[in-house]
Amino acid sequence: MSQPRRRILRPSRPSSGDGTRHTKLLARCSKLEAEQQSLSRWMSRLKRAFHAVEKQQQKVTRLEREIARLQQS
């Protein structure tokens, strides 16, 4: 004899009341705070890298000008 299909028992969903909304809000706030900290770290790295590239560009430009001046003399 074949067996009847088994029912999958899942926990019932709570009603969409203020409790779940408040929980979601707290979770999103903590996620936002973590993402803001991460962005802050990346921005400081980006600023540091940008200024390093800027210095390199200035050095290259200065050397190109010096070479051009020496070639014309």
N, C-alpha and C. Protein backbone atom coordinates (compact mmCIF):
# COMPACT_ATOMS: atom_id res chain seq x y z
N MET A 1 0.83 -1.16 0.00
CA MET A 1 0.00 0.00 0.00
C MET A 1 0.89 1.24 0.00
N SER A 2 0.59 2.21 -0.81
CA SER A 2 1.39 3.43 -0.87
C SER A 2 1.08 4.31 0.34
N GLN A 3 2.08 5.04 0.71
CA GLN A 3 1.91 5.90 1.87
C GLN A 3 1.39 7.28 1.44
N PRO A 4 0.60 7.92 2.28
CA PRO A 4 0.13 9.26 1.94
C PRO A 4 1.30 10.25 1.98
N ARG A 5 1.16 11.34 1.24
CA ARG A 5 2.21 12.37 1.22
C ARG A 5 2.38 12.96 2.60
N ARG A 6 3.63 13.21 2.91
CA ARG A 6 3.89 13.83 4.20
C ARG A 6 3.75 15.34 4.09
N ARG A 7 3.21 15.91 5.10
CA ARG A 7 3.08 17.37 5.13
C ARG A 7 4.35 17.97 5.70
N ILE A 8 4.80 19.04 5.11
CA ILE A 8 5.97 19.75 5.62
C ILE A 8 5.48 20.74 6.66
N LEU A 9 5.98 20.61 7.85
CA LEU A 9 5.57 21.49 8.93
C LEU A 9 6.51 22.68 8.99
N ARG A 10 5.98 23.84 8.77
CA ARG A 10 6.76 25.06 8.83
C ARG A 10 6.18 25.94 9.92
N PRO A 11 7.06 26.72 10.57
CA PRO A 11 6.51 27.61 11.60
C PRO A 11 5.60 28.65 10.95
N SER A 12 4.56 28.99 11.66
CA SER A 12 3.62 29.96 11.10
C SER A 12 4.25 31.34 11.11
N ARG A 13 3.92 32.15 10.11
CA ARG A 13 4.45 33.49 10.01
C ARG A 13 3.70 34.39 10.98
N PRO A 14 4.45 35.23 11.67
CA PRO A 14 3.75 36.16 12.56
C PRO A 14 3.02 37.20 11.73
N SER A 15 1.99 37.74 12.31
CA SER A 15 1.24 38.77 11.58
C SER A 15 2.13 39.98 11.37
N SER A 16 1.88 40.70 10.29
CA SER A 16 2.73 41.85 9.98
C SER A 16 2.36 43.02 10.88
N GLY A 17 2.69 42.88 12.14
CA GLY A 17 2.38 43.91 13.10
C GLY A 17 3.59 44.78 13.37
N ASP A 18 3.51 45.54 14.42
CA ASP A 18 4.60 46.45 14.75
C ASP A 18 5.84 45.71 15.21
N GLY A 19 5.69 44.53 15.75
CA GLY A 19 6.84 43.77 16.24
C GLY A 19 7.83 43.44 15.13
N THR A 20 7.33 42.92 14.02
CA THR A 20 8.22 42.57 12.91
C THR A 20 8.76 43.82 12.25
N ARG A 21 7.94 44.84 12.15
CA ARG A 21 8.38 46.09 11.54
C ARG A 21 9.51 46.70 12.37
N HIS A 22 9.35 46.65 13.68
CA HIS A 22 10.38 47.19 14.58
C HIS A 22 11.66 46.37 14.48
N THR A 23 11.53 45.06 14.38
CA THR A 23 12.70 44.19 14.25
C THR A 23 13.43 44.48 12.95
N LYS A 24 12.67 44.63 11.86
CA LYS A 24 13.30 44.94 10.57
C LYS A 24 13.98 46.30 10.62
N LEU A 25 13.35 47.25 11.28
CA LEU A 25 13.93 48.59 11.38
C LEU A 25 15.26 48.55 12.13
N LEU A 26 15.30 47.81 13.23
CA LEU A 26 16.54 47.69 14.00
C LEU A 26 17.63 47.01 13.18
N ALA A 27 17.25 45.98 12.45
CA ALA A 27 18.22 45.26 11.62
C ALA A 27 18.77 46.17 10.54
N ARG A 28 17.90 46.94 9.91
CA ARG A 28 18.35 47.85 8.84
C ARG A 28 19.23 48.96 9.40
N CYS A 29 18.91 49.45 10.59
CA CYS A 29 19.72 50.49 11.22
C CYS A 29 21.12 49.98 11.53
N SER A 30 21.22 48.77 12.04
CA SER A 30 22.54 48.22 12.34
C SER A 30 23.31 47.95 11.06
N LYS A 31 22.62 47.50 10.02
CA LYS A 31 23.27 47.27 8.72
C LYS A 31 23.77 48.59 8.14
N LEU A 32 22.95 49.65 8.28
CA LEU A 32 23.35 50.98 7.79
C LEU A 32 24.59 51.46 8.51
N GLU A 33 24.64 51.29 9.80
CA GLU A 33 25.80 51.72 10.58
C GLU A 33 27.06 50.98 10.13
N ALA A 34 26.95 49.68 9.91
CA ALA A 34 28.10 48.89 9.45
C ALA A 34 28.56 49.34 8.07
N GLU A 35 27.60 49.61 7.18
CA GLU A 35 27.96 50.06 5.83
C GLU A 35 28.58 51.45 5.85
N GLN A 36 28.12 52.32 6.74
CA GLN A 36 28.70 53.66 6.85
C GLN A 36 30.14 53.58 7.35
N GLN A 37 30.40 52.69 8.29
CA GLN A 37 31.77 52.52 8.77
C GLN A 37 32.67 51.98 7.66
N SER A 38 32.16 51.04 6.90
CA SER A 38 32.92 50.48 5.79
C SER A 38 33.22 51.55 4.74
N LEU A 39 32.22 52.36 4.43
CA LEU A 39 32.42 53.44 3.46
C LEU A 39 33.45 54.44 3.96
N SER A 40 33.40 54.73 5.24
CA SER A 40 34.37 55.66 5.82
C SER A 40 35.80 55.14 5.67
N ARG A 41 35.99 53.85 5.93
CA ARG A 41 37.32 53.25 5.77
C ARG A 41 37.78 53.32 4.31
N TRP A 42 36.88 52.99 3.39
CA TRP A 42 37.24 53.03 1.97
C TRP A 42 37.54 54.45 1.50
N MET A 43 36.79 55.42 2.01
CA MET A 43 37.02 56.81 1.61
C MET A 43 38.40 57.29 2.06
N SER A 44 38.81 56.90 3.27
CA SER A 44 40.14 57.31 3.73
C SER A 44 41.22 56.66 2.87
N ARG A 45 41.03 55.40 2.50
CA ARG A 45 41.99 54.74 1.61
C ARG A 45 42.02 55.41 0.25
N LEU A 46 40.84 55.76 -0.25
CA LEU A 46 40.76 56.39 -1.56
C LEU A 46 41.44 57.75 -1.56
N LYS A 47 41.23 58.53 -0.50
CA LYS A 47 41.88 59.85 -0.41
C LYS A 47 43.40 59.70 -0.40
N ARG A 48 43.87 58.74 0.39
CA ARG A 48 45.31 58.50 0.48
C ARG A 48 45.87 58.11 -0.90
N ALA A 49 45.19 57.22 -1.58
CA ALA A 49 45.65 56.77 -2.91
C ALA A 49 45.59 57.91 -3.91
N PHE A 50 44.54 58.71 -3.84
CA PHE A 50 44.39 59.83 -4.78
C PHE A 50 45.54 60.81 -4.62
N HIS A 51 45.89 61.13 -3.38
CA HIS A 51 46.97 62.09 -3.16
C HIS A 51 48.32 61.51 -3.57
N ALA A 52 48.49 60.21 -3.42
CA ALA A 52 49.73 59.57 -3.87
C ALA A 52 49.85 59.66 -5.39
N VAL A 53 48.76 59.43 -6.09
CA VAL A 53 48.77 59.53 -7.56
C VAL A 53 49.01 60.98 -7.98
N GLU A 54 48.41 61.90 -7.26
CA GLU A 54 48.60 63.33 -7.57
C GLU A 54 50.07 63.72 -7.44
N LYS A 55 50.73 63.24 -6.39
CA LYS A 55 52.16 63.53 -6.21
C LYS A 55 52.98 62.96 -7.36
N GLN A 56 52.66 61.73 -7.76
CA GLN A 56 53.38 61.10 -8.87
C GLN A 56 53.20 61.90 -10.16
N GLN A 57 51.99 62.37 -10.41
CA GLN A 57 51.75 63.17 -11.61
C GLN A 57 52.57 64.45 -11.57
N GLN A 58 52.65 65.09 -10.42
CA GLN A 58 53.44 66.31 -10.30
C GLN A 58 54.92 66.04 -10.55
N LYS A 59 55.43 64.92 -10.03
CA LYS A 59 56.83 64.57 -10.25
C LYS A 59 57.11 64.34 -11.73
N VAL A 60 56.21 63.59 -12.40
CA VAL A 60 56.38 63.30 -13.82
C VAL A 60 56.34 64.59 -14.63
N THR A 61 55.40 65.46 -14.33
CA THR A 61 55.28 66.73 -15.06
C THR A 61 56.54 67.57 -14.86
N ARG A 62 57.04 67.65 -13.64
CA ARG A 62 58.24 68.43 -13.36
C ARG A 62 59.43 67.86 -14.13
N LEU A 63 59.58 66.53 -14.12
CA LEU A 63 60.69 65.92 -14.85
C LEU A 63 60.58 66.14 -16.35
N GLU A 64 59.35 66.06 -16.90
CA GLU A 64 59.16 66.31 -18.33
C GLU A 64 59.55 67.74 -18.68
N ARG A 65 59.18 68.71 -17.83
CA ARG A 65 59.54 70.11 -18.08
C ARG A 65 61.05 70.31 -18.03
N GLU A 66 61.71 69.67 -17.04
CA GLU A 66 63.16 69.80 -16.93
C GLU A 66 63.87 69.21 -18.15
N ILE A 67 63.38 68.06 -18.60
CA ILE A 67 63.98 67.41 -19.79
C ILE A 67 63.77 68.28 -21.01
N ALA A 68 62.58 68.83 -21.19
CA ALA A 68 62.33 69.71 -22.33
C ALA A 68 63.20 70.95 -22.28
N ARG A 69 63.39 71.51 -21.09
CA ARG A 69 64.23 72.72 -20.93
C ARG A 69 65.69 72.39 -21.26
N LEU A 70 66.16 71.21 -20.80
CA LEU A 70 67.56 70.84 -21.06
C LEU A 70 67.78 70.51 -22.53
N GLN A 71 66.77 69.96 -23.21
CA GLN A 71 66.92 69.64 -24.64
C GLN A 71 66.96 70.91 -25.48
N GLN A 72 66.30 71.95 -25.04
CA GLN A 72 66.27 73.19 -25.82
C GLN A 72 67.53 74.01 -25.60
N SER A 73 68.28 73.78 -24.51
CA SER A 73 69.49 74.57 -24.24
C SER A 73 70.66 74.10 -25.05
